[in-house]
Amino acid sequence: MGVHSGDRGPEWTSSRQNINGHFYGMENAEVTKTILCFIVKSLCCKYEDVVAMVPLPAVNSFVIKKW
C-alpha cells in the first residue's frame, strides 16, 4: 500500500487496516466505509473463495461499471 506511479497508470494512494474485524482506511483521500468483495464459485463442486476485497467510500453505479 502506498503511492504508485509510472507504467501502471495514474498515481493513487490507499491506506487500510483491519482492527478487530472492522476495516478502517482511506482511498483517494476519502474515508472508506464499504468493502466490495469479489467471490468465485465452482459450478461442479463446493469450491468458493473470496478473490478480492476492495475498500470504497461508497458503492454506486459508477463504481460497479468501473469494476
N, C-alpha and C. Protein backbone atom coordinates (compact mmCIF):
# COMPACT_ATOMS: atom_id res chain seq x y z
N MET A 1 0.84 -1.16 0.00
CA MET A 1 0.00 0.00 0.00
C MET A 1 0.89 1.23 0.00
N GLY A 2 0.42 2.27 -0.62
CA GLY A 2 1.22 3.46 -0.69
C GLY A 2 0.99 4.20 -1.99
N VAL A 3 2.03 4.87 -2.43
CA VAL A 3 1.93 5.65 -3.66
C VAL A 3 2.56 4.85 -4.79
N HIS A 4 1.85 4.73 -5.90
CA HIS A 4 2.35 4.02 -7.08
C HIS A 4 2.24 4.95 -8.27
N SER A 5 3.21 4.89 -9.15
CA SER A 5 3.14 5.69 -10.37
C SER A 5 3.99 5.01 -11.44
N GLY A 6 3.98 5.58 -12.63
CA GLY A 6 4.80 5.03 -13.70
C GLY A 6 3.95 4.35 -14.74
N ASP A 7 4.40 3.19 -15.20
CA ASP A 7 3.72 2.47 -16.28
C ASP A 7 2.38 1.88 -15.87
N ARG A 8 2.08 1.82 -14.61
CA ARG A 8 0.86 1.19 -14.14
C ARG A 8 -0.37 2.07 -14.25
N GLY A 9 -0.23 3.31 -14.62
CA GLY A 9 -1.38 4.19 -14.75
C GLY A 9 -1.24 5.40 -13.86
N PRO A 10 -2.37 6.06 -13.54
CA PRO A 10 -2.32 7.28 -12.75
C PRO A 10 -1.88 7.01 -11.32
N GLU A 11 -1.38 8.05 -10.68
CA GLU A 11 -0.98 7.93 -9.28
C GLU A 11 -2.19 7.73 -8.40
N TRP A 12 -2.03 6.89 -7.38
CA TRP A 12 -3.11 6.68 -6.42
C TRP A 12 -2.50 6.39 -5.07
N THR A 13 -3.28 6.65 -4.04
CA THR A 13 -2.83 6.33 -2.69
C THR A 13 -3.93 5.58 -1.98
N SER A 14 -3.53 4.67 -1.12
CA SER A 14 -4.52 3.95 -0.32
C SER A 14 -3.88 3.54 0.99
N SER A 15 -4.69 3.44 2.01
CA SER A 15 -4.24 3.01 3.32
C SER A 15 -5.41 2.32 3.99
N ARG A 16 -5.18 1.14 4.55
CA ARG A 16 -6.28 0.44 5.22
C ARG A 16 -5.75 -0.43 6.34
N GLN A 17 -6.59 -0.66 7.34
CA GLN A 17 -6.25 -1.50 8.48
C GLN A 17 -7.46 -2.35 8.84
N ASN A 18 -7.20 -3.55 9.34
CA ASN A 18 -8.25 -4.41 9.87
C ASN A 18 -8.02 -4.50 11.37
N ILE A 19 -8.92 -3.91 12.15
CA ILE A 19 -8.81 -3.91 13.60
C ILE A 19 -10.06 -4.56 14.17
N ASN A 20 -9.89 -5.72 14.80
CA ASN A 20 -11.00 -6.48 15.40
C ASN A 20 -12.15 -6.70 14.42
N GLY A 21 -11.84 -7.01 13.18
CA GLY A 21 -12.87 -7.31 12.19
C GLY A 21 -13.47 -6.09 11.51
N HIS A 22 -13.02 -4.90 11.87
CA HIS A 22 -13.51 -3.67 11.23
C HIS A 22 -12.41 -3.10 10.36
N PHE A 23 -12.77 -2.70 9.14
CA PHE A 23 -11.80 -2.12 8.22
C PHE A 23 -11.85 -0.60 8.32
N TYR A 24 -10.69 -0.01 8.51
CA TYR A 24 -10.56 1.44 8.56
C TYR A 24 -9.54 1.85 7.50
N GLY A 25 -9.79 2.96 6.84
CA GLY A 25 -8.79 3.39 5.88
C GLY A 25 -9.24 4.54 5.01
N MET A 26 -8.37 4.84 4.05
CA MET A 26 -8.62 5.92 3.10
C MET A 26 -8.34 5.39 1.71
N GLU A 27 -9.12 5.83 0.76
CA GLU A 27 -8.93 5.51 -0.65
C GLU A 27 -9.11 6.80 -1.43
N ASN A 28 -8.07 7.25 -2.10
CA ASN A 28 -8.10 8.52 -2.85
C ASN A 28 -8.57 9.68 -1.98
N ALA A 29 -8.02 9.79 -0.78
CA ALA A 29 -8.29 10.86 0.18
C ALA A 29 -9.72 10.87 0.71
N GLU A 30 -10.44 9.75 0.62
CA GLU A 30 -11.78 9.62 1.18
C GLU A 30 -11.80 8.46 2.17
N VAL A 31 -12.54 8.62 3.26
CA VAL A 31 -12.66 7.57 4.26
C VAL A 31 -13.46 6.41 3.68
N THR A 32 -12.95 5.19 3.85
CA THR A 32 -13.66 4.01 3.33
C THR A 32 -14.69 3.54 4.34
N LYS A 33 -15.89 3.23 3.85
CA LYS A 33 -16.97 2.76 4.71
C LYS A 33 -17.56 1.45 4.21
N THR A 34 -17.19 1.03 3.01
CA THR A 34 -17.78 -0.14 2.36
C THR A 34 -16.68 -1.00 1.78
N ILE A 35 -16.88 -2.31 1.78
CA ILE A 35 -15.95 -3.22 1.12
C ILE A 35 -16.69 -3.94 0.01
N LEU A 36 -16.18 -3.81 -1.21
CA LEU A 36 -16.73 -4.51 -2.37
C LEU A 36 -15.95 -5.81 -2.50
N CYS A 37 -16.64 -6.95 -2.33
CA CYS A 37 -15.99 -8.27 -2.36
C CYS A 37 -16.29 -8.97 -3.68
N PHE A 38 -15.28 -9.64 -4.21
CA PHE A 38 -15.43 -10.45 -5.41
C PHE A 38 -15.21 -11.91 -5.01
N ILE A 39 -16.19 -12.75 -5.33
CA ILE A 39 -16.18 -14.16 -4.93
C ILE A 39 -16.24 -15.03 -6.17
N VAL A 40 -15.46 -16.13 -6.16
CA VAL A 40 -15.56 -17.12 -7.24
C VAL A 40 -16.15 -18.38 -6.66
N LYS A 41 -17.08 -18.98 -7.42
CA LYS A 41 -17.71 -20.24 -7.02
C LYS A 41 -17.59 -21.24 -8.16
N SER A 42 -17.40 -22.49 -7.80
CA SER A 42 -17.33 -23.55 -8.80
C SER A 42 -18.73 -24.04 -9.13
N LEU A 43 -18.94 -24.40 -10.39
CA LEU A 43 -20.23 -24.96 -10.81
C LEU A 43 -20.33 -26.45 -10.51
N CYS A 44 -19.20 -27.13 -10.44
CA CYS A 44 -19.24 -28.59 -10.31
C CYS A 44 -18.89 -29.12 -8.93
N CYS A 45 -18.40 -28.27 -8.03
CA CYS A 45 -18.10 -28.74 -6.66
C CYS A 45 -18.38 -27.60 -5.68
N LYS A 46 -18.05 -27.80 -4.42
CA LYS A 46 -18.37 -26.82 -3.38
C LYS A 46 -17.27 -25.78 -3.16
N TYR A 47 -16.43 -25.56 -4.15
CA TYR A 47 -15.35 -24.58 -4.02
C TYR A 47 -15.91 -23.16 -4.07
N GLU A 48 -15.47 -22.34 -3.13
CA GLU A 48 -15.86 -20.93 -3.06
C GLU A 48 -14.71 -20.17 -2.43
N ASP A 49 -14.35 -19.02 -3.00
CA ASP A 49 -13.23 -18.26 -2.47
C ASP A 49 -13.43 -16.77 -2.74
N VAL A 50 -13.03 -15.95 -1.78
CA VAL A 50 -13.03 -14.50 -1.96
C VAL A 50 -11.70 -14.15 -2.64
N VAL A 51 -11.77 -13.54 -3.81
CA VAL A 51 -10.55 -13.23 -4.56
C VAL A 51 -10.10 -11.78 -4.41
N ALA A 52 -11.00 -10.90 -4.00
CA ALA A 52 -10.61 -9.50 -3.80
C ALA A 52 -11.56 -8.83 -2.84
N MET A 53 -11.00 -7.96 -2.00
CA MET A 53 -11.78 -7.13 -1.10
C MET A 53 -11.30 -5.69 -1.32
N VAL A 54 -12.18 -4.87 -1.89
CA VAL A 54 -11.80 -3.51 -2.27
C VAL A 54 -12.52 -2.52 -1.35
N PRO A 55 -11.79 -1.82 -0.47
CA PRO A 55 -12.42 -0.81 0.37
C PRO A 55 -12.78 0.43 -0.44
N LEU A 56 -14.02 0.90 -0.28
CA LEU A 56 -14.52 2.05 -1.03
C LEU A 56 -15.27 2.99 -0.09
N PRO A 57 -15.33 4.28 -0.43
CA PRO A 57 -16.15 5.20 0.36
C PRO A 57 -17.64 4.86 0.25
N ALA A 58 -18.09 4.42 -0.92
CA ALA A 58 -19.49 4.04 -1.15
C ALA A 58 -19.56 3.27 -2.47
N VAL A 59 -20.61 2.48 -2.63
CA VAL A 59 -20.82 1.75 -3.88
C VAL A 59 -21.95 2.43 -4.64
N ASN A 60 -21.70 2.78 -5.89
CA ASN A 60 -22.72 3.37 -6.74
C ASN A 60 -22.57 2.79 -8.15
N SER A 61 -23.39 3.23 -9.07
CA SER A 61 -23.36 2.66 -10.42
C SER A 61 -22.03 2.91 -11.13
N PHE A 62 -21.40 4.06 -10.87
CA PHE A 62 -20.11 4.34 -11.48
C PHE A 62 -19.05 3.32 -11.03
N VAL A 63 -19.03 3.02 -9.74
CA VAL A 63 -18.07 2.05 -9.20
C VAL A 63 -18.33 0.66 -9.77
N ILE A 64 -19.58 0.25 -9.87
CA ILE A 64 -19.91 -1.07 -10.40
C ILE A 64 -19.50 -1.18 -11.86
N LYS A 65 -19.73 -0.14 -12.65
CA LYS A 65 -19.32 -0.16 -14.07
C LYS A 65 -17.80 -0.18 -14.20
N LYS A 66 -17.10 0.49 -13.29
CA LYS A 66 -15.64 0.54 -13.34
C LYS A 66 -15.04 -0.83 -13.06
N TRP A 67 -15.58 -1.55 -12.10
CA TRP A 67 -15.03 -2.85 -11.74
C TRP A 67 -15.62 -3.92 -12.61
